[in-house]
Amino acid sequence: MSTTQSERLRELLEPLVASQGLDLEEIAVDSVGRKRVLRVVVDSDTGADLDRIADVSRELSAKLDESDAMGDAEYTLEVGTPGAERSLTEHRHYVRATDRLVRFQLHEGGELVARIVAVDEDGIDLEVPGVKGRKATTRRLAFGDIDKARVQVEFNRKDTKSTENTEHTQNSDTTEEEA
């Protein structure tokens, strides 16, 4: 896809996506045989459920049909959200990944896997998991030190908030029964 087409598509579609309360994260046009596929990735601070995706997909489809941004050849429009292991490239991505485990490729050549605890304008505060029974440590990482960052899928993570709520509820129930 040429830069000109990409820019035209972004200018055309971004206002519609924003009107639905979403951010336009990515646009890609791929050739599949004789057809083309226009992939649009959207997201928001609160996520995007299927109803919001369907609404924005209808809006984008109508706008594309009334414009010549995709030319005369057939194409398929696919609208979705970033995958579970999304790359973090914008400040808002890091904010949305708070409490998530992330693999960082550092400019200095190293790699770090840590949980994002907080994000500000200059960088991020991390919790680096302990190894072999050691406690987790904290670390500050400036955005300028990050080459690449990708959210990691966690299958065995215990939800500490649910555990705290369960313990609190159990303690409250016990107290009420004893009274």
Protein backbone atom coordinates (compact mmCIF):
# COMPACT_ATOMS: atom_id res chain seq x y z
CA MET A 1 0.00 0.00 0.00
CA SER A 2 1.41 3.35 -0.94
CA THR A 3 1.92 6.02 1.66
CA THR A 4 -0.53 8.21 -0.23
CA GLN A 5 -3.29 5.57 -0.07
CA SER A 6 -2.54 4.88 3.58
CA GLU A 7 -2.75 8.57 4.42
CA ARG A 8 -5.98 8.96 2.41
CA LEU A 9 -7.55 5.99 4.15
CA ARG A 10 -6.50 7.24 7.57
CA GLU A 11 -7.87 10.74 6.86
CA LEU A 12 -11.13 9.23 5.61
CA LEU A 13 -11.67 6.64 8.34
CA GLU A 14 -10.17 8.15 11.50
CA PRO A 15 -13.00 10.69 12.11
CA LEU A 16 -15.60 7.92 11.85
CA VAL A 17 -13.70 5.67 14.22
CA ALA A 18 -13.25 8.57 16.67
CA SER A 19 -16.99 9.35 16.50
CA GLN A 20 -17.59 5.84 17.87
CA GLY A 21 -15.27 6.57 20.83
CA LEU A 22 -12.45 4.41 19.43
CA ASP A 23 -8.85 4.95 18.33
CA LEU A 24 -7.74 3.95 14.85
CA GLU A 25 -4.68 1.83 15.62
CA GLU A 26 -3.76 0.35 12.26
CA ILE A 27 -4.76 0.19 8.60
CA ALA A 28 -3.38 -2.46 6.24
CA VAL A 29 -4.30 -3.46 2.70
CA ASP A 30 -3.23 -6.95 1.65
CA SER A 31 -3.70 -8.73 -1.67
CA VAL A 32 -5.28 -12.15 -1.47
CA GLY A 33 -5.37 -13.56 -4.99
CA ARG A 34 -7.30 -11.07 -7.08
CA LYS A 35 -9.06 -9.58 -4.10
CA ARG A 36 -7.78 -7.14 -1.57
CA VAL A 37 -8.40 -7.14 2.16
CA LEU A 38 -8.57 -3.87 4.09
CA ARG A 39 -7.82 -4.58 7.74
CA VAL A 40 -8.72 -1.86 10.24
CA VAL A 41 -7.66 -2.24 13.88
CA VAL A 42 -9.48 -0.18 16.50
CA ASP A 43 -9.27 0.03 20.29
CA SER A 44 -10.16 2.23 23.25
CA ASP A 45 -9.26 2.63 26.91
CA THR A 46 -12.29 0.51 27.80
CA GLY A 47 -11.86 -2.01 24.98
CA ALA A 48 -14.21 -2.62 22.08
CA ASP A 49 -17.01 -5.18 22.29
CA LEU A 50 -18.61 -6.89 19.30
CA ASP A 51 -21.47 -4.38 19.10
CA ARG A 52 -19.06 -1.44 18.86
CA ILE A 53 -16.98 -3.30 16.25
CA ALA A 54 -20.13 -4.04 14.20
CA ASP A 55 -21.27 -0.41 14.41
CA VAL A 56 -17.93 1.01 13.32
CA SER A 57 -17.64 -1.63 10.58
CA ARG A 58 -21.01 -0.54 9.07
CA GLU A 59 -19.97 3.13 9.25
CA LEU A 60 -16.60 2.46 7.62
CA SER A 61 -18.14 0.29 4.91
CA ALA A 62 -20.66 2.99 3.98
CA LYS A 63 -17.96 5.68 3.90
CA LEU A 64 -15.66 3.53 1.76
CA ASP A 65 -18.51 2.74 -0.67
CA GLU A 66 -19.17 6.44 -1.26
CA SER A 67 -15.47 7.24 -1.80
CA ASP A 68 -12.87 6.05 -4.28
CA ALA A 69 -10.23 5.41 -1.60
CA MET A 70 -10.10 1.67 -2.42
CA GLY A 71 -10.44 2.08 -6.20
CA ASP A 72 -12.68 -0.08 -8.38
CA ALA A 73 -11.28 -3.51 -7.52
CA GLU A 74 -13.13 -5.77 -5.08
CA TYR A 75 -12.02 -5.75 -1.48
CA THR A 76 -13.09 -7.17 1.86
CA LEU A 77 -13.25 -4.98 4.96
CA GLU A 78 -12.14 -6.59 8.22
CA VAL A 79 -12.49 -4.57 11.42
CA GLY A 80 -11.06 -5.88 14.68
CA THR A 81 -9.10 -5.12 17.83
CA PRO A 82 -5.41 -5.65 18.56
CA GLY A 83 -4.48 -9.20 19.42
CA ALA A 84 -3.69 -10.48 22.88
CA GLU A 85 0.05 -10.10 22.27
CA ARG A 86 -0.15 -6.60 20.88
CA SER A 87 2.86 -4.41 20.26
CA LEU A 88 3.05 -1.27 22.37
CA THR A 89 4.00 1.71 20.23
CA GLU A 90 2.01 4.65 21.60
CA HIS A 91 1.81 6.14 25.10
CA ARG A 92 -1.87 5.11 25.29
CA HIS A 93 -0.88 1.49 24.58
CA TYR A 94 1.34 1.43 27.66
CA VAL A 95 -1.45 2.96 29.77
CA ARG A 96 -3.89 0.31 28.54
CA ALA A 97 -1.34 -2.40 29.35
CA THR A 98 -1.08 -1.41 33.03
CA ASP A 99 -1.07 -4.59 35.19
CA ARG A 100 -0.11 -6.69 32.15
CA LEU A 101 3.11 -8.65 31.65
CA VAL A 102 5.22 -7.20 28.83
CA ARG A 103 8.40 -8.35 27.03
CA PHE A 104 10.69 -5.38 26.39
CA GLN A 105 13.54 -5.29 23.87
CA LEU A 106 15.88 -2.59 25.16
CA HIS A 107 18.07 -0.24 23.11
CA GLU A 108 21.06 -1.36 25.17
CA GLY A 109 20.56 -4.83 23.68
CA GLY A 110 18.94 -6.65 26.57
CA GLU A 111 15.52 -8.12 27.10
CA LEU A 112 13.25 -7.69 30.11
CA VAL A 113 9.93 -9.30 31.01
CA ALA A 114 8.04 -7.31 33.64
CA ARG A 115 4.58 -6.15 34.70
CA ILE A 116 3.61 -2.53 34.06
CA VAL A 117 2.65 -0.91 37.37
CA ALA A 118 2.30 2.75 36.36
CA VAL A 119 2.81 4.97 33.31
CA ASP A 120 3.59 8.69 33.12
CA GLU A 121 4.82 11.01 30.39
CA ASP A 122 8.51 10.05 30.79
CA GLY A 123 8.36 6.30 31.23
CA ILE A 124 6.98 3.34 33.11
CA ASP A 125 7.29 1.76 36.52
CA LEU A 126 7.69 -2.00 36.39
CA GLU A 127 7.52 -4.98 38.68
CA VAL A 128 10.14 -7.51 37.65
CA PRO A 129 9.11 -11.02 38.77
CA GLY A 130 11.43 -12.75 41.21
CA VAL A 131 13.41 -15.78 40.05
CA LYS A 132 13.74 -19.02 42.03
CA GLY A 133 11.70 -17.94 45.05
CA ARG A 134 13.08 -14.40 45.26
CA LYS A 135 10.76 -11.45 45.69
CA ALA A 136 9.76 -9.26 42.77
CA THR A 137 11.72 -6.02 42.34
CA THR A 138 10.72 -2.64 40.95
CA ARG A 139 12.36 -0.84 38.08
CA ARG A 140 11.86 2.43 36.23
CA LEU A 141 12.19 2.36 32.45
CA ALA A 142 12.27 5.50 30.28
CA PHE A 143 10.44 5.32 26.95
CA GLY A 144 13.72 6.19 25.21
CA ASP A 145 15.27 2.97 26.53
CA ILE A 146 12.63 0.78 24.85
CA ASP A 147 13.20 -0.56 21.36
CA LYS A 148 10.14 -2.85 21.24
CA ALA A 149 7.46 -3.91 23.70
CA ARG A 150 4.88 -6.65 23.37
CA VAL A 151 2.15 -7.75 25.79
CA GLN A 152 2.51 -11.37 26.89
CA VAL A 153 -0.33 -13.84 27.30
CA GLU A 154 -0.57 -15.23 30.83
CA PHE A 155 -2.36 -18.52 31.34
CA ASN A 156 -1.61 -19.15 35.01
CA ARG A 157 -1.81 -15.69 36.55
CA LYS A 158 -3.71 -15.46 39.79
CA ASP A 159 -6.03 -12.48 39.84
CA THR A 160 -4.86 -10.68 42.98
CA LYS A 161 -7.88 -8.35 43.01
CA SER A 162 -10.33 -11.29 43.01
CA THR A 163 -8.31 -13.03 45.73
CA GLU A 164 -8.36 -9.90 47.91
CA ASN A 165 -12.11 -9.46 47.36
CA THR A 166 -12.80 -13.13 48.15
CA GLU A 167 -10.75 -12.98 51.35
CA HIS A 168 -12.51 -9.76 52.39
CA THR A 169 -15.93 -11.26 51.64
CA GLN A 170 -15.11 -14.44 53.57
CA ASN A 171 -13.93 -12.40 56.57
CA SER A 172 -17.07 -10.22 56.39
CA ASP A 173 -19.34 -13.27 56.21
CA THR A 174 -17.66 -14.88 59.19
CA THR A 175 -18.00 -11.69 61.20
CA GLU A 176 -21.71 -11.37 60.36
CA GLU A 177 -22.42 -15.01 61.28
CA GLU A 178 -20.66 -14.68 64.64
CA ALA A 179 -22.61 -11.53 65.56
